N, C-alpha and C. Protein backbone atom coordinates (compact mmCIF):
# COMPACT_ATOMS: atom_id res chain seq x y z
N MET A 1 7.82 5.60 26.08
CA MET A 1 8.92 5.22 25.14
C MET A 1 8.49 4.53 23.93
N SER A 2 9.16 4.95 22.84
CA SER A 2 8.68 4.33 21.57
C SER A 2 9.06 2.90 21.48
N HIS A 3 8.20 2.01 20.89
CA HIS A 3 8.54 0.64 20.67
C HIS A 3 9.34 0.40 19.44
N LYS A 4 9.60 1.46 18.73
CA LYS A 4 10.42 1.28 17.41
C LYS A 4 11.80 0.93 17.75
N ILE A 5 12.27 -0.24 17.25
CA ILE A 5 13.63 -0.64 17.51
C ILE A 5 14.60 0.14 16.74
N LEU A 6 15.70 0.46 17.31
CA LEU A 6 16.70 1.36 16.61
C LEU A 6 17.31 0.62 15.52
N ASN A 7 17.56 1.34 14.35
CA ASN A 7 18.22 0.78 13.13
C ASN A 7 19.63 0.45 13.48
N MET A 8 20.04 -0.78 13.33
CA MET A 8 21.45 -1.17 13.64
C MET A 8 22.38 -0.84 12.54
N SER A 9 21.98 -0.66 11.32
CA SER A 9 22.81 -0.61 10.10
C SER A 9 23.54 0.75 9.99
N LEU A 10 24.84 0.65 9.58
CA LEU A 10 25.51 1.80 9.12
C LEU A 10 25.14 1.95 7.63
N VAL A 11 25.34 3.15 7.02
CA VAL A 11 24.97 3.23 5.68
C VAL A 11 25.81 2.24 4.79
N GLY A 12 25.07 1.51 3.87
CA GLY A 12 25.72 0.53 2.99
C GLY A 12 26.00 -0.68 3.62
N GLN A 13 25.65 -0.88 4.96
CA GLN A 13 25.87 -2.08 5.69
C GLN A 13 24.61 -2.87 5.97
N LYS A 14 24.63 -4.19 6.02
CA LYS A 14 23.57 -4.96 6.42
C LYS A 14 23.96 -5.81 7.64
N THR A 15 23.03 -5.89 8.60
CA THR A 15 23.21 -6.76 9.80
C THR A 15 22.12 -7.78 9.84
N LYS A 16 22.35 -8.83 10.58
CA LYS A 16 21.53 -9.91 10.56
C LYS A 16 20.54 -9.88 11.77
N SER A 17 20.87 -9.06 12.79
CA SER A 17 20.12 -8.93 13.99
C SER A 17 20.16 -7.56 14.51
N ASP A 18 19.04 -7.05 15.23
CA ASP A 18 19.06 -5.88 15.95
C ASP A 18 19.13 -6.06 17.34
N PHE A 19 19.66 -5.00 18.10
CA PHE A 19 19.62 -5.17 19.61
C PHE A 19 18.30 -4.65 20.10
N ILE A 20 18.07 -5.04 21.46
CA ILE A 20 16.77 -4.56 22.06
C ILE A 20 17.21 -3.61 23.18
N GLU A 21 16.50 -2.52 23.30
CA GLU A 21 16.93 -1.40 24.36
C GLU A 21 16.94 -2.18 25.75
N TRP A 22 17.93 -1.76 26.47
CA TRP A 22 18.22 -2.39 27.85
C TRP A 22 16.99 -2.53 28.72
N GLU A 23 16.25 -1.40 28.82
CA GLU A 23 15.16 -1.32 29.73
C GLU A 23 14.11 -2.31 29.21
N LYS A 24 13.89 -2.44 27.94
CA LYS A 24 12.88 -3.30 27.41
C LYS A 24 13.28 -4.73 27.68
N LEU A 25 14.57 -5.06 27.62
CA LEU A 25 14.99 -6.46 27.94
C LEU A 25 14.83 -6.72 29.30
N GLN A 26 15.05 -5.75 30.13
CA GLN A 26 14.87 -6.05 31.59
C GLN A 26 13.43 -6.29 31.97
N SER A 27 12.61 -5.49 31.36
CA SER A 27 11.14 -5.61 31.54
C SER A 27 10.68 -6.96 31.04
N LEU A 28 11.17 -7.37 29.90
CA LEU A 28 10.88 -8.76 29.40
C LEU A 28 11.18 -9.93 30.36
N THR A 29 12.38 -9.88 30.98
CA THR A 29 12.75 -10.87 31.82
C THR A 29 11.82 -10.88 33.11
N GLN A 30 11.47 -9.69 33.61
CA GLN A 30 10.63 -9.59 34.68
C GLN A 30 9.23 -10.15 34.41
N LYS A 31 8.78 -9.93 33.25
CA LYS A 31 7.37 -10.55 32.83
C LYS A 31 7.44 -12.07 32.73
N LEU A 32 8.62 -12.54 32.22
CA LEU A 32 8.83 -14.00 31.95
C LEU A 32 8.87 -14.55 33.26
N GLU A 33 9.59 -14.07 34.19
CA GLU A 33 9.75 -14.54 35.57
C GLU A 33 8.33 -14.58 36.23
N ARG A 34 7.54 -13.64 36.08
CA ARG A 34 6.23 -13.51 36.72
C ARG A 34 5.33 -14.61 36.08
N ASP A 35 5.64 -14.92 34.72
CA ASP A 35 4.80 -15.97 34.14
C ASP A 35 5.29 -17.26 34.15
N ASN A 36 6.35 -17.46 35.09
CA ASN A 36 6.93 -18.83 35.36
C ASN A 36 7.75 -19.40 34.09
N ASP A 37 8.23 -18.53 33.27
CA ASP A 37 9.05 -19.13 32.15
C ASP A 37 10.50 -18.93 32.69
N TRP A 38 10.78 -19.93 33.49
CA TRP A 38 12.20 -19.81 34.14
C TRP A 38 13.28 -20.10 33.15
N LYS A 39 13.14 -20.88 32.16
CA LYS A 39 14.16 -21.09 31.22
C LYS A 39 14.59 -19.88 30.48
N PHE A 40 13.65 -19.14 29.92
CA PHE A 40 14.00 -17.92 29.14
C PHE A 40 14.27 -16.73 29.97
N THR A 41 13.81 -16.74 31.17
CA THR A 41 14.15 -15.64 32.16
C THR A 41 15.71 -15.80 32.38
N LEU A 42 16.12 -16.97 32.60
CA LEU A 42 17.58 -17.22 32.99
C LEU A 42 18.46 -17.02 31.69
N LEU A 43 18.03 -17.58 30.52
CA LEU A 43 18.76 -17.51 29.38
C LEU A 43 19.05 -16.06 29.00
N ILE A 44 17.92 -15.34 28.92
CA ILE A 44 18.06 -13.88 28.62
C ILE A 44 19.00 -13.14 29.57
N THR A 45 18.79 -13.41 30.83
CA THR A 45 19.50 -12.71 31.88
C THR A 45 21.03 -13.00 31.83
N ILE A 46 21.30 -14.28 31.57
CA ILE A 46 22.79 -14.62 31.35
C ILE A 46 23.46 -13.92 30.21
N GLY A 47 22.60 -13.91 29.10
CA GLY A 47 23.14 -13.23 27.89
C GLY A 47 23.35 -11.64 28.13
N MET A 48 22.37 -11.07 28.84
CA MET A 48 22.40 -9.65 29.15
C MET A 48 23.65 -9.36 29.90
N PHE A 49 23.96 -10.09 30.86
CA PHE A 49 25.09 -9.78 31.82
C PHE A 49 26.33 -10.47 31.64
N SER A 50 26.50 -11.33 30.58
CA SER A 50 27.76 -11.88 30.30
C SER A 50 28.23 -11.55 28.87
N GLY A 51 27.33 -11.30 27.92
CA GLY A 51 27.74 -10.90 26.54
C GLY A 51 28.17 -12.21 25.79
N LEU A 52 27.83 -13.44 26.36
CA LEU A 52 28.30 -14.68 25.68
C LEU A 52 27.43 -14.88 24.41
N ARG A 53 27.89 -15.68 23.50
CA ARG A 53 27.28 -16.13 22.34
C ARG A 53 26.28 -17.15 22.75
N ILE A 54 25.15 -17.32 22.04
CA ILE A 54 24.20 -18.32 22.34
C ILE A 54 24.73 -19.71 22.54
N SER A 55 25.73 -20.05 21.66
CA SER A 55 26.26 -21.43 21.81
C SER A 55 26.94 -21.69 23.01
N ASP A 56 27.60 -20.64 23.59
CA ASP A 56 28.25 -20.82 24.88
C ASP A 56 27.27 -20.74 26.01
N ILE A 57 26.20 -19.95 25.91
CA ILE A 57 25.13 -19.89 26.97
C ILE A 57 24.47 -21.34 27.07
N LEU A 58 24.28 -22.00 25.88
CA LEU A 58 23.54 -23.20 25.87
C LEU A 58 24.48 -24.39 26.32
N SER A 59 25.75 -24.11 26.40
CA SER A 59 26.57 -25.19 26.88
C SER A 59 26.80 -25.17 28.40
N LEU A 60 26.23 -24.18 29.05
CA LEU A 60 26.47 -23.98 30.50
C LEU A 60 25.71 -25.12 31.28
N HIS A 61 26.39 -25.57 32.35
CA HIS A 61 25.70 -26.49 33.28
C HIS A 61 25.39 -25.67 34.57
N TRP A 62 24.49 -26.27 35.32
CA TRP A 62 24.16 -25.54 36.59
C TRP A 62 25.30 -25.34 37.55
N ASN A 63 26.26 -26.27 37.59
CA ASN A 63 27.38 -26.13 38.38
C ASN A 63 28.42 -25.15 37.91
N ASP A 64 28.12 -24.61 36.68
CA ASP A 64 29.00 -23.50 36.20
C ASP A 64 28.54 -22.15 36.76
N LEU A 65 27.41 -22.11 37.39
CA LEU A 65 26.84 -20.91 37.90
C LEU A 65 26.57 -20.94 39.37
N LEU A 66 25.98 -22.05 39.85
CA LEU A 66 25.60 -22.09 41.15
C LEU A 66 26.72 -21.83 42.17
N ASP A 67 26.61 -20.90 43.05
CA ASP A 67 27.66 -20.61 44.05
C ASP A 67 28.93 -20.19 43.44
N LYS A 68 28.87 -19.63 42.31
CA LYS A 68 30.06 -19.21 41.60
C LYS A 68 30.17 -17.64 41.45
N THR A 69 31.31 -17.07 41.57
CA THR A 69 31.40 -15.57 41.44
C THR A 69 31.80 -15.29 39.95
N ASN A 70 32.32 -16.38 39.18
CA ASN A 70 32.77 -16.15 37.90
C ASN A 70 32.25 -17.28 36.96
N ILE A 71 31.92 -16.97 35.68
CA ILE A 71 31.67 -18.01 34.71
C ILE A 71 33.13 -18.20 34.03
N GLU A 72 33.55 -19.48 34.08
CA GLU A 72 34.73 -19.79 33.38
C GLU A 72 34.32 -20.75 32.17
N ILE A 73 34.73 -20.22 31.02
CA ILE A 73 34.29 -20.98 29.81
C ILE A 73 35.43 -20.84 28.70
N THR A 74 35.46 -21.94 27.85
CA THR A 74 36.25 -21.80 26.58
C THR A 74 35.19 -21.63 25.55
N GLU A 75 35.33 -20.51 24.81
CA GLU A 75 34.30 -20.14 23.74
C GLU A 75 34.45 -21.10 22.57
N LYS A 76 33.19 -21.55 22.23
CA LYS A 76 33.15 -22.57 21.18
C LYS A 76 33.74 -22.06 19.84
N LYS A 77 33.42 -20.81 19.45
CA LYS A 77 33.81 -20.20 18.13
C LYS A 77 35.33 -19.87 18.14
N THR A 78 35.80 -19.36 19.20
CA THR A 78 37.14 -18.74 19.19
C THR A 78 38.21 -19.82 19.85
N GLY A 79 37.71 -20.51 20.65
CA GLY A 79 38.61 -21.45 21.56
C GLY A 79 39.27 -20.58 22.61
N LYS A 80 38.81 -19.32 22.75
CA LYS A 80 39.40 -18.45 23.82
C LYS A 80 38.90 -18.79 25.15
N GLN A 81 39.76 -18.74 26.20
CA GLN A 81 39.25 -18.91 27.59
C GLN A 81 38.76 -17.61 28.05
N ARG A 82 37.57 -17.72 28.73
CA ARG A 82 36.97 -16.32 29.28
C ARG A 82 36.65 -16.69 30.78
N LYS A 83 36.75 -15.61 31.45
CA LYS A 83 36.40 -15.57 32.98
C LYS A 83 35.63 -14.38 33.14
N ILE A 84 34.25 -14.63 33.40
CA ILE A 84 33.36 -13.46 33.49
C ILE A 84 32.75 -13.44 34.78
N LEU A 85 32.76 -12.10 35.35
CA LEU A 85 32.11 -11.98 36.74
C LEU A 85 30.71 -12.09 36.66
N VAL A 86 30.08 -12.88 37.58
CA VAL A 86 28.75 -13.07 37.78
C VAL A 86 28.22 -12.03 38.72
N ASN A 87 27.68 -10.89 38.14
CA ASN A 87 27.31 -9.75 39.03
C ASN A 87 26.19 -10.08 39.92
N GLN A 88 25.79 -9.24 40.77
CA GLN A 88 24.76 -9.44 41.80
C GLN A 88 23.41 -9.82 41.21
N HIS A 89 23.05 -9.07 40.22
CA HIS A 89 21.70 -9.32 39.58
C HIS A 89 21.59 -10.69 39.03
N LEU A 90 22.64 -11.17 38.33
CA LEU A 90 22.62 -12.54 37.70
C LEU A 90 22.72 -13.46 38.84
N GLN A 91 23.49 -13.34 39.81
CA GLN A 91 23.49 -14.22 40.96
C GLN A 91 22.19 -14.43 41.59
N GLU A 92 21.45 -13.35 41.84
CA GLU A 92 20.20 -13.42 42.46
C GLU A 92 19.13 -14.11 41.64
N THR A 93 19.29 -14.02 40.28
CA THR A 93 18.33 -14.60 39.33
C THR A 93 18.55 -15.98 39.33
N VAL A 94 19.77 -16.42 39.35
CA VAL A 94 20.19 -17.84 39.34
C VAL A 94 19.63 -18.53 40.58
N ILE A 95 19.82 -17.92 41.75
CA ILE A 95 19.36 -18.42 43.03
C ILE A 95 17.90 -18.58 43.07
N ARG A 96 17.20 -17.56 42.65
CA ARG A 96 15.69 -17.61 42.71
C ARG A 96 15.20 -18.74 41.79
N ILE A 97 15.66 -18.76 40.57
CA ILE A 97 15.19 -19.86 39.60
C ILE A 97 15.58 -21.23 40.03
N SER A 98 16.77 -21.35 40.63
CA SER A 98 17.21 -22.73 41.07
C SER A 98 16.33 -23.33 42.17
N THR A 99 15.56 -22.43 42.92
CA THR A 99 14.76 -22.90 43.87
C THR A 99 13.25 -23.26 43.36
N LYS A 100 13.08 -22.96 42.12
CA LYS A 100 11.79 -23.14 41.49
C LYS A 100 11.68 -24.52 40.84
N ILE A 101 12.78 -24.97 40.45
CA ILE A 101 12.83 -26.17 39.49
C ILE A 101 13.63 -27.36 40.08
N ARG A 102 13.43 -28.47 39.50
CA ARG A 102 14.23 -29.64 39.86
C ARG A 102 15.35 -29.75 38.82
N PHE A 103 16.55 -30.03 39.18
CA PHE A 103 17.62 -30.17 38.27
C PHE A 103 18.78 -30.99 38.80
N ASN A 104 19.64 -31.53 37.97
CA ASN A 104 20.85 -32.12 38.27
C ASN A 104 22.01 -31.16 37.98
N PRO A 105 22.78 -30.83 39.03
CA PRO A 105 23.75 -29.75 38.85
C PRO A 105 24.83 -30.02 37.85
N GLU A 106 25.02 -31.26 37.36
CA GLU A 106 25.94 -31.64 36.31
C GLU A 106 25.31 -31.61 35.01
N GLN A 107 24.10 -31.30 34.86
CA GLN A 107 23.37 -31.33 33.52
C GLN A 107 23.36 -29.83 32.96
N PRO A 108 23.28 -29.79 31.60
CA PRO A 108 23.16 -28.47 31.07
C PRO A 108 21.89 -27.77 31.60
N ILE A 109 21.91 -26.45 31.73
CA ILE A 109 20.83 -25.73 32.28
C ILE A 109 19.60 -25.69 31.32
N PHE A 110 19.88 -25.64 30.02
CA PHE A 110 18.87 -25.46 29.06
C PHE A 110 18.53 -26.63 28.29
N LEU A 111 18.13 -27.69 28.94
CA LEU A 111 17.71 -28.98 28.32
C LEU A 111 16.52 -28.83 27.51
N ASN A 112 16.55 -29.61 26.37
CA ASN A 112 15.22 -29.64 25.62
C ASN A 112 14.09 -30.42 26.29
N ARG A 113 12.97 -30.53 25.69
CA ARG A 113 11.87 -31.19 26.38
C ARG A 113 12.00 -32.65 26.61
N PHE A 114 12.91 -33.26 25.89
CA PHE A 114 13.34 -34.66 26.09
C PHE A 114 14.28 -34.89 27.20
N GLY A 115 14.88 -33.80 27.66
CA GLY A 115 15.81 -33.92 28.83
C GLY A 115 17.13 -34.57 28.45
N LYS A 116 17.47 -34.63 27.22
CA LYS A 116 18.76 -35.30 26.74
C LYS A 116 19.93 -34.40 26.38
N LYS A 117 19.49 -33.27 25.78
CA LYS A 117 20.60 -32.35 25.34
C LYS A 117 20.04 -30.93 25.33
N PRO A 118 20.84 -29.93 25.22
CA PRO A 118 20.37 -28.45 25.22
C PRO A 118 19.53 -28.16 24.09
N ILE A 119 18.64 -27.30 24.26
CA ILE A 119 17.80 -26.74 23.24
C ILE A 119 18.78 -26.04 22.11
N SER A 120 18.31 -25.92 20.94
CA SER A 120 19.18 -25.56 19.78
C SER A 120 19.13 -23.96 19.61
N PRO A 121 20.27 -23.36 19.07
CA PRO A 121 20.20 -21.90 18.75
C PRO A 121 18.96 -21.56 17.90
N GLN A 122 18.58 -22.45 17.09
CA GLN A 122 17.47 -22.21 16.06
C GLN A 122 16.17 -22.13 16.83
N TYR A 123 16.06 -22.94 17.83
CA TYR A 123 14.84 -22.88 18.65
C TYR A 123 14.74 -21.56 19.44
N VAL A 124 16.03 -21.20 20.05
CA VAL A 124 16.05 -19.93 20.74
C VAL A 124 15.65 -18.76 19.92
N ASN A 125 16.10 -18.73 18.59
CA ASN A 125 15.85 -17.66 17.76
C ASN A 125 14.32 -17.56 17.51
N TRP A 126 13.64 -18.65 17.20
CA TRP A 126 12.21 -18.82 17.08
C TRP A 126 11.47 -18.30 18.32
N LYS A 127 11.84 -18.90 19.46
CA LYS A 127 11.14 -18.59 20.77
C LYS A 127 11.31 -17.19 21.10
N LEU A 128 12.50 -16.57 20.87
CA LEU A 128 12.67 -15.14 21.25
C LEU A 128 11.81 -14.24 20.42
N LYS A 129 11.59 -14.52 19.13
CA LYS A 129 10.75 -13.84 18.27
C LYS A 129 9.28 -13.88 18.84
N GLU A 130 8.87 -15.04 19.19
CA GLU A 130 7.57 -15.26 19.73
C GLU A 130 7.35 -14.47 20.99
N LEU A 131 8.35 -14.40 22.00
CA LEU A 131 8.33 -13.75 23.17
C LEU A 131 8.28 -12.21 23.05
N VAL A 132 9.06 -11.70 22.09
CA VAL A 132 9.03 -10.14 21.94
C VAL A 132 7.82 -9.73 21.32
N LYS A 133 7.13 -10.64 20.44
CA LYS A 133 5.91 -10.32 19.91
C LYS A 133 4.79 -10.38 20.98
N LYS A 134 4.86 -11.54 21.83
CA LYS A 134 3.80 -11.72 22.78
C LYS A 134 3.69 -10.59 23.79
N TYR A 135 4.89 -10.18 24.21
CA TYR A 135 5.01 -9.09 25.25
C TYR A 135 5.14 -7.79 24.72
N GLN A 136 5.00 -7.60 23.38
CA GLN A 136 4.99 -6.27 22.70
C GLN A 136 6.32 -5.58 23.09
N VAL A 137 7.44 -6.17 22.96
CA VAL A 137 8.75 -5.54 23.23
C VAL A 137 9.13 -4.62 22.07
N VAL A 138 8.98 -5.14 20.86
CA VAL A 138 9.23 -4.38 19.65
C VAL A 138 8.12 -4.69 18.68
N LYS A 139 7.95 -3.74 17.74
CA LYS A 139 6.94 -4.04 16.62
C LYS A 139 7.39 -4.91 15.56
N ASP A 140 8.62 -4.64 15.11
CA ASP A 140 9.18 -5.42 13.98
C ASP A 140 10.11 -6.40 14.65
N THR A 141 9.76 -7.79 14.53
CA THR A 141 10.50 -8.84 15.02
C THR A 141 11.33 -9.57 14.10
N THR A 142 11.41 -9.05 12.87
CA THR A 142 12.09 -9.86 11.75
C THR A 142 13.56 -9.89 12.08
N LYS A 143 14.14 -8.74 12.77
CA LYS A 143 15.62 -8.88 13.00
C LYS A 143 15.98 -9.31 14.44
N ILE A 144 14.95 -9.86 15.16
CA ILE A 144 15.27 -10.28 16.56
C ILE A 144 15.73 -11.66 16.45
N LYS A 145 16.98 -11.94 16.96
CA LYS A 145 17.49 -13.23 17.13
C LYS A 145 18.29 -13.30 18.41
N SER A 146 18.79 -14.55 18.72
CA SER A 146 19.50 -14.62 19.91
C SER A 146 20.65 -13.75 20.06
N HIS A 147 21.26 -13.41 18.81
CA HIS A 147 22.43 -12.43 18.87
C HIS A 147 21.99 -11.11 19.34
N SER A 148 20.61 -10.80 19.31
CA SER A 148 20.14 -9.52 19.81
C SER A 148 20.54 -9.27 21.18
N ILE A 149 20.54 -10.30 22.03
CA ILE A 149 20.86 -10.09 23.41
C ILE A 149 22.28 -9.81 23.63
N ARG A 150 23.17 -10.39 22.84
CA ARG A 150 24.69 -10.03 22.94
C ARG A 150 24.91 -8.59 22.46
N LYS A 151 24.26 -8.18 21.38
CA LYS A 151 24.29 -6.80 20.89
C LYS A 151 23.77 -5.85 22.01
N SER A 152 22.74 -6.25 22.68
CA SER A 152 22.13 -5.40 23.77
C SER A 152 23.20 -5.24 24.80
N PHE A 153 23.91 -6.26 25.20
CA PHE A 153 24.99 -6.14 26.18
C PHE A 153 26.06 -5.19 25.67
N GLY A 154 26.40 -5.24 24.43
CA GLY A 154 27.47 -4.38 23.87
C GLY A 154 27.05 -2.88 23.86
N ARG A 155 25.74 -2.71 23.52
CA ARG A 155 25.35 -1.25 23.54
C ARG A 155 25.33 -0.74 24.98
N ARG A 156 24.90 -1.61 25.89
CA ARG A 156 24.84 -1.25 27.35
C ARG A 156 26.23 -0.82 27.86
N VAL A 157 27.24 -1.66 27.56
CA VAL A 157 28.62 -1.34 27.92
C VAL A 157 29.07 -0.02 27.40
N TRP A 158 28.78 0.17 26.02
CA TRP A 158 29.23 1.36 25.38
C TRP A 158 28.56 2.58 26.03
N GLU A 159 27.25 2.47 26.26
CA GLU A 159 26.54 3.60 26.86
C GLU A 159 27.07 3.93 28.26
N ASN A 160 27.32 2.83 28.95
CA ASN A 160 27.83 3.03 30.32
C ASN A 160 29.19 3.64 30.34
N SER A 161 29.92 3.63 29.28
CA SER A 161 31.25 4.14 29.20
C SER A 161 31.11 5.45 28.58
N GLU A 162 29.93 6.10 28.53
CA GLU A 162 29.53 7.43 28.01
C GLU A 162 29.91 7.51 26.50
N ARG A 163 29.64 6.34 25.86
CA ARG A 163 29.84 6.24 24.28
C ARG A 163 31.25 6.76 23.93
N SER A 164 32.14 6.18 24.70
CA SER A 164 33.55 6.55 24.53
C SER A 164 34.39 5.59 23.64
N GLU A 165 35.59 6.14 23.15
CA GLU A 165 36.35 5.14 22.46
C GLU A 165 36.87 4.06 23.33
N LYS A 166 37.07 4.39 24.61
CA LYS A 166 37.57 3.39 25.44
C LYS A 166 36.53 2.29 25.63
N GLY A 167 35.23 2.59 25.65
CA GLY A 167 34.19 1.52 25.68
C GLY A 167 34.27 0.69 24.42
N LEU A 168 34.53 1.26 23.25
CA LEU A 168 34.65 0.43 22.05
C LEU A 168 35.89 -0.51 22.13
N ILE A 169 37.01 0.07 22.76
CA ILE A 169 38.19 -0.88 22.83
C ILE A 169 37.93 -1.98 23.81
N MET A 170 37.28 -1.74 24.89
CA MET A 170 36.91 -2.82 25.83
C MET A 170 36.05 -3.82 25.13
N LEU A 171 34.97 -3.36 24.34
CA LEU A 171 34.16 -4.40 23.66
C LEU A 171 34.85 -5.11 22.51
N ASN A 172 35.71 -4.35 21.89
CA ASN A 172 36.57 -5.10 20.94
C ASN A 172 37.34 -6.32 21.47
N GLU A 173 37.77 -6.11 22.74
CA GLU A 173 38.39 -7.15 23.44
C GLU A 173 37.57 -8.26 23.80
N ILE A 174 36.40 -7.84 24.46
CA ILE A 174 35.37 -8.81 24.89
C ILE A 174 34.92 -9.63 23.71
N PHE A 175 34.58 -8.98 22.63
CA PHE A 175 34.00 -9.74 21.43
C PHE A 175 35.01 -10.32 20.58
N ASN A 176 36.28 -10.06 20.80
CA ASN A 176 37.42 -10.61 19.96
C ASN A 176 37.25 -10.32 18.54
N HIS A 177 36.88 -9.06 18.33
CA HIS A 177 36.77 -8.62 16.92
C HIS A 177 38.17 -8.27 16.31
N SER A 178 38.18 -8.23 15.05
CA SER A 178 39.50 -8.00 14.35
C SER A 178 39.88 -6.48 14.44
N SER A 179 38.97 -5.63 14.57
CA SER A 179 39.18 -4.17 14.66
C SER A 179 38.11 -3.41 15.37
N ILE A 180 38.30 -2.11 15.65
CA ILE A 180 37.30 -1.35 16.38
C ILE A 180 36.19 -1.06 15.27
N LYS A 181 36.67 -0.96 13.99
CA LYS A 181 35.54 -0.71 12.97
C LYS A 181 34.55 -1.78 12.92
N THR A 182 34.99 -3.08 13.12
CA THR A 182 34.13 -4.21 13.18
C THR A 182 33.12 -4.16 14.32
N THR A 183 33.69 -3.77 15.51
CA THR A 183 32.91 -3.54 16.57
C THR A 183 31.72 -2.50 16.52
N LYS A 184 32.14 -1.41 15.86
CA LYS A 184 31.16 -0.41 15.52
C LYS A 184 30.05 -0.85 14.66
N ILE A 185 30.37 -1.60 13.57
CA ILE A 185 29.41 -2.17 12.66
C ILE A 185 28.55 -3.15 13.45
N TYR A 186 29.17 -4.01 14.25
CA TYR A 186 28.51 -5.03 14.89
C TYR A 186 27.50 -4.43 15.86
N LEU A 187 27.76 -3.35 16.57
CA LEU A 187 26.89 -2.64 17.51
C LEU A 187 25.89 -1.67 16.76
N GLY A 188 26.14 -1.48 15.49
CA GLY A 188 25.13 -0.63 14.66
C GLY A 188 25.39 0.84 15.04
N ILE A 189 26.61 1.15 15.49
CA ILE A 189 26.85 2.58 15.87
C ILE A 189 27.04 3.40 14.66
N ARG A 190 26.10 4.45 14.53
CA ARG A 190 26.13 5.31 13.35
C ARG A 190 27.30 6.38 13.45
N GLU A 191 27.70 6.77 12.26
CA GLU A 191 28.74 7.82 12.37
C GLU A 191 28.23 9.10 13.08
N SER A 192 26.97 9.41 13.11
CA SER A 192 26.46 10.48 13.90
C SER A 192 26.59 10.34 15.34
N GLU A 193 26.53 9.07 15.77
CA GLU A 193 26.77 8.86 17.17
C GLU A 193 28.28 9.07 17.51
N ILE A 194 29.08 8.62 16.66
CA ILE A 194 30.56 8.77 16.91
C ILE A 194 30.89 10.23 16.93
N ARG A 195 30.27 11.06 16.04
CA ARG A 195 30.46 12.42 16.14
C ARG A 195 30.09 13.13 17.47
N ASP A 196 28.93 12.58 17.92
CA ASP A 196 28.39 13.10 19.29
C ASP A 196 29.41 12.77 20.33
N VAL A 197 30.21 11.77 20.22
CA VAL A 197 31.25 11.46 21.25
C VAL A 197 32.24 12.63 21.36
N TYR A 198 32.62 13.09 20.23
CA TYR A 198 33.65 14.15 20.16
C TYR A 198 33.05 15.55 20.51
N GLN A 199 31.76 15.78 20.19
CA GLN A 199 31.13 17.03 20.41
C GLN A 199 30.87 17.28 21.96
N ASN A 200 30.74 16.04 22.56
CA ASN A 200 30.40 16.18 24.04
C ASN A 200 31.64 16.07 24.93
N LEU A 201 32.81 16.21 24.30
CA LEU A 201 34.03 16.15 25.20
C LEU A 201 34.20 17.39 26.05
């Protein structure tokens, strides 16, 4: 499989981050867990299976996830209340990692090295670039940011819905975008991909 990351941009549009192919993101989490990087294994896994913004992921406490079937959160950016199913893969990852480290259930999951407050989104952006470079996930890391994980979730949902308009409508609701067009641009869906949807009906 090519390591070349897919171009996210529509013609005439610029985006700030690229998505990472789902299989490559899964492989990255497996390697991180193998190498005992519990924090970023869990951070990426939560992002992959929830589609939450990094600011909301970093606000999570252990008791938001442990023994829970849903993540219940008020989004920082929109103020919208969300209830997100914790699927089996995410549940199993949380359980495995919770047995590897010591923590206070009432504390944020992603504490900084001083143990006082969560790591920053800026640190996550930097660290994610370092990880995708170290594990050779993609060749060009310039557009890899924390938002890449959220976009990977979106592309996965769209592809699982057979790249349908219904999938875009679901994602538009999940992402709270103003229009379907905004969702298409956000996901970097090209017009050629949209044409393929109709050709394959």
